Amino acid sequence: MRPFPWSPTVKSANILLLTITLAACGGERTRSAACGIAQLAGPAIVQQQLDDSRQWVTAVPRGLPADLPARVVGQAQGRATLTPGEEQLAVRYTGEGFPADPRVGFGLLVVDDTSQRIVGILIYDAVAPRERAELGYVTSGERSIPLFGVRVSWVDVNNPRCPLLGDSTPPSGP
């Protein structure tokens, strides 16, 4: 017998999910519930593009900047330092939340399919897709994960009020 949709077990799970979402997004506008949902939905939509081989980036794009915004999905913002090679792209991730389990983790170089602008890198703490063209790897500490590339309609995925990859301008240095 299926539980009633608002049985104590289901209701508790729904309340817990709502509480977690609101707690993660409370306060200022960029931490609103809408932004919390956007931070979860955006990466899911980007990842779905891997199901369409026409959206894959199969070669290291030209004109890569040395520094890009990066985010471990569901975690805080980080940065990615890129070192393009002839065959593969080496990316060093600086930030928190890098996948620790050696059986999971992959990165996606996100390219806007309209402007062909390289937007940034999303890192997933999930099983890497199979039979996809690897562009290189993402490293944090001594751990490396595969890097794939995907084209997306960035305006359809990113909410400017709560940007998926934060401030896309490189940090100013001394």
Foldseek 3Di string as FASTA:
>chain_A
DDDDCCDPVNVVVVVVVVVVLQVQQDDDQLSHSVVSVLLQVLVVVQVVQVVPLVFWDQEDDPPDDQKWWEEARPDDIWMWGWDDDPQAIEIEIDDDDAQDDLQFKEKEFEAAPPVRHGHHMYMYRGHDDPPARFRHWYDYDHDIHTYIYGYDNLVVRADVSNGNRPDGDDDDDD
